[in-house]
């Protein structure tokens, strides 16, 4: 759109600045949603809720006989779906020591969350646990 004036008006300048700020906000939100730990936990939680479980575990990862199926062996991890999403990292997982990971914002690293998410996707695709 061309102006007849040599210099744009104040209103047109403010409009251009507000469009620029809006575009920056949309791009920033897109990158935050793709790379933040909160977004990774939300994606993993949605995938875990849609998974068909066959094993039953208590909150420490021990197999039990009663209750709803709520855990799956992912090879490097044992994912336990419950009120709090947990994963038991095994000793074979990338040279690390066994540990219980609580998959909440600020309690697990984004790298661990991404590894669990990839292992769960592998399990869904291949119908078997990834090798340990």
Protein backbone atom coordinates (compact mmCIF):
# COMPACT_ATOMS: atom_id res chain seq x y z
CA UNK A 1 0.00 0.00 0.00
CA UNK A 2 1.53 3.31 -1.10
CA UNK A 3 1.15 6.57 0.74
CA UNK A 4 0.80 9.86 -1.09
CA UNK A 5 2.93 11.50 1.60
CA UNK A 6 6.71 11.41 1.71
CA UNK A 7 6.75 10.34 5.40
CA UNK A 8 4.31 7.82 6.91
CA UNK A 9 1.96 9.07 9.59
CA UNK A 10 2.33 8.27 13.27
CA UNK A 11 -0.66 5.91 13.16
CA UNK A 12 0.87 3.94 10.26
CA UNK A 13 4.19 3.71 12.12
CA UNK A 14 2.51 2.42 15.28
CA UNK A 15 0.57 -0.10 13.20
CA UNK A 16 3.79 -1.42 11.65
CA UNK A 17 5.49 -1.71 15.05
CA UNK A 18 2.50 -3.55 16.53
CA UNK A 19 2.45 -6.02 13.61
CA UNK A 20 6.19 -6.63 14.08
CA UNK A 21 5.76 -7.23 17.84
CA UNK A 22 2.84 -9.60 17.16
CA UNK A 23 4.90 -11.62 14.68
CA UNK A 24 7.79 -11.87 17.13
CA UNK A 25 5.40 -13.06 19.85
CA UNK A 26 3.93 -15.78 17.61
CA UNK A 27 7.38 -17.04 16.58
CA UNK A 28 8.60 -17.00 20.20
CA UNK A 29 5.56 -18.98 21.36
CA UNK A 30 6.12 -21.52 18.56
CA UNK A 31 9.74 -22.12 19.62
CA UNK A 32 8.81 -22.28 23.32
CA UNK A 33 6.12 -24.84 22.56
CA UNK A 34 8.55 -26.98 20.57
CA UNK A 35 11.55 -26.93 22.91
CA UNK A 36 10.43 -26.36 26.52
CA UNK A 37 10.38 -29.06 29.18
CA UNK A 38 6.75 -28.29 29.99
CA UNK A 39 5.71 -28.93 26.41
CA UNK A 40 7.75 -32.15 26.35
CA UNK A 41 6.02 -33.37 29.53
CA UNK A 42 2.61 -32.49 28.06
CA UNK A 43 3.37 -34.43 24.85
CA UNK A 44 4.65 -37.45 26.80
CA UNK A 45 1.64 -37.38 29.12
CA UNK A 46 -0.75 -37.35 26.17
CA UNK A 47 1.11 -40.25 24.52
CA UNK A 48 1.19 -42.20 27.81
CA UNK A 49 -2.55 -41.75 28.35
CA UNK A 50 -3.30 -43.10 24.87
CA UNK A 51 -1.04 -46.16 25.22
CA UNK A 52 -2.57 -49.62 25.78
CA UNK A 53 -0.86 -51.05 28.89
CA UNK A 54 -0.62 -54.78 29.61
CA UNK A 55 1.41 -54.90 32.86
CA UNK A 56 0.52 -53.75 36.37
CA UNK A 57 3.12 -52.01 38.56
CA UNK A 58 3.15 -50.25 41.89
CA UNK A 59 4.60 -46.76 42.23
CA UNK A 60 8.13 -48.18 42.64
CA UNK A 61 8.08 -50.24 39.45
CA UNK A 62 7.46 -53.65 41.04
CA UNK A 63 5.07 -55.93 39.15
CA UNK A 64 1.80 -56.64 40.96
CA UNK A 65 -1.23 -58.83 40.21
CA UNK A 66 -4.14 -56.51 41.07
CA UNK A 67 -5.30 -53.17 39.72
CA UNK A 68 -5.42 -51.49 36.34
CA UNK A 69 -2.61 -52.06 33.82
CA UNK A 70 -0.40 -49.00 34.11
CA UNK A 71 3.20 -49.73 33.12
CA UNK A 72 5.21 -50.68 30.06
CA UNK A 73 8.77 -51.91 29.61
CA UNK A 74 10.55 -49.62 27.15
CA UNK A 75 13.96 -51.30 27.34
CA UNK A 76 16.01 -48.52 28.94
CA UNK A 77 13.04 -47.30 30.98
CA UNK A 78 9.99 -48.70 32.74
CA UNK A 79 7.19 -46.14 32.27
CA UNK A 80 4.59 -46.04 35.06
CA UNK A 81 1.41 -44.14 34.26
CA UNK A 82 -0.50 -42.95 37.31
CA UNK A 83 -1.49 -39.74 39.06
CA UNK A 84 2.17 -38.78 38.65
CA UNK A 85 3.94 -39.99 35.50
CA UNK A 86 7.13 -41.83 36.52
CA UNK A 87 9.89 -43.69 34.73
CA UNK A 88 12.43 -46.09 36.20
CA UNK A 89 15.74 -45.57 34.39
CA UNK A 90 17.66 -48.82 34.20
CA UNK A 91 21.42 -49.21 34.57
CA UNK A 92 21.82 -49.90 30.85
CA UNK A 93 20.38 -46.50 29.89
CA UNK A 94 23.26 -44.51 28.39
CA UNK A 95 25.80 -45.51 31.02
CA UNK A 96 23.85 -44.00 33.89
CA UNK A 97 22.91 -45.31 37.30
CA UNK A 98 19.40 -46.66 37.95
CA UNK A 99 17.03 -43.94 39.13
CA UNK A 100 13.35 -43.12 39.45
CA UNK A 101 12.41 -40.11 37.34
CA UNK A 102 9.31 -38.10 38.19
CA UNK A 103 8.18 -36.66 34.88
CA UNK A 104 6.97 -33.25 35.95
CA UNK A 105 8.11 -29.76 35.12
CA UNK A 106 11.45 -29.10 36.77
CA UNK A 107 11.96 -32.64 38.09
CA UNK A 108 13.30 -34.39 34.97
CA UNK A 109 15.52 -33.15 32.21
CA UNK A 110 14.13 -32.50 28.76
CA UNK A 111 16.66 -35.02 27.38
CA UNK A 112 15.30 -37.84 29.56
CA UNK A 113 11.74 -36.88 28.65
CA UNK A 114 12.61 -36.94 24.94
CA UNK A 115 14.32 -40.35 25.28
CA UNK A 116 11.27 -41.80 27.03
CA UNK A 117 8.99 -40.30 24.39
CA UNK A 118 11.10 -41.86 21.60
CA UNK A 119 11.15 -45.23 23.38
CA UNK A 120 7.38 -45.14 23.75
CA UNK A 121 7.01 -44.27 20.05
CA UNK A 122 9.36 -47.17 19.20
CA UNK A 123 7.22 -49.49 21.32
CA UNK A 124 4.02 -48.33 19.60
CA UNK A 125 5.55 -48.72 16.14
CA UNK A 126 7.34 -52.07 16.60
CA UNK A 127 5.17 -53.68 19.31
CA UNK A 128 8.32 -54.71 21.24
CA UNK A 129 10.59 -52.99 23.74
CA UNK A 130 13.72 -51.33 22.45
CA UNK A 131 16.86 -53.33 23.21
CA UNK A 132 18.55 -52.50 26.51
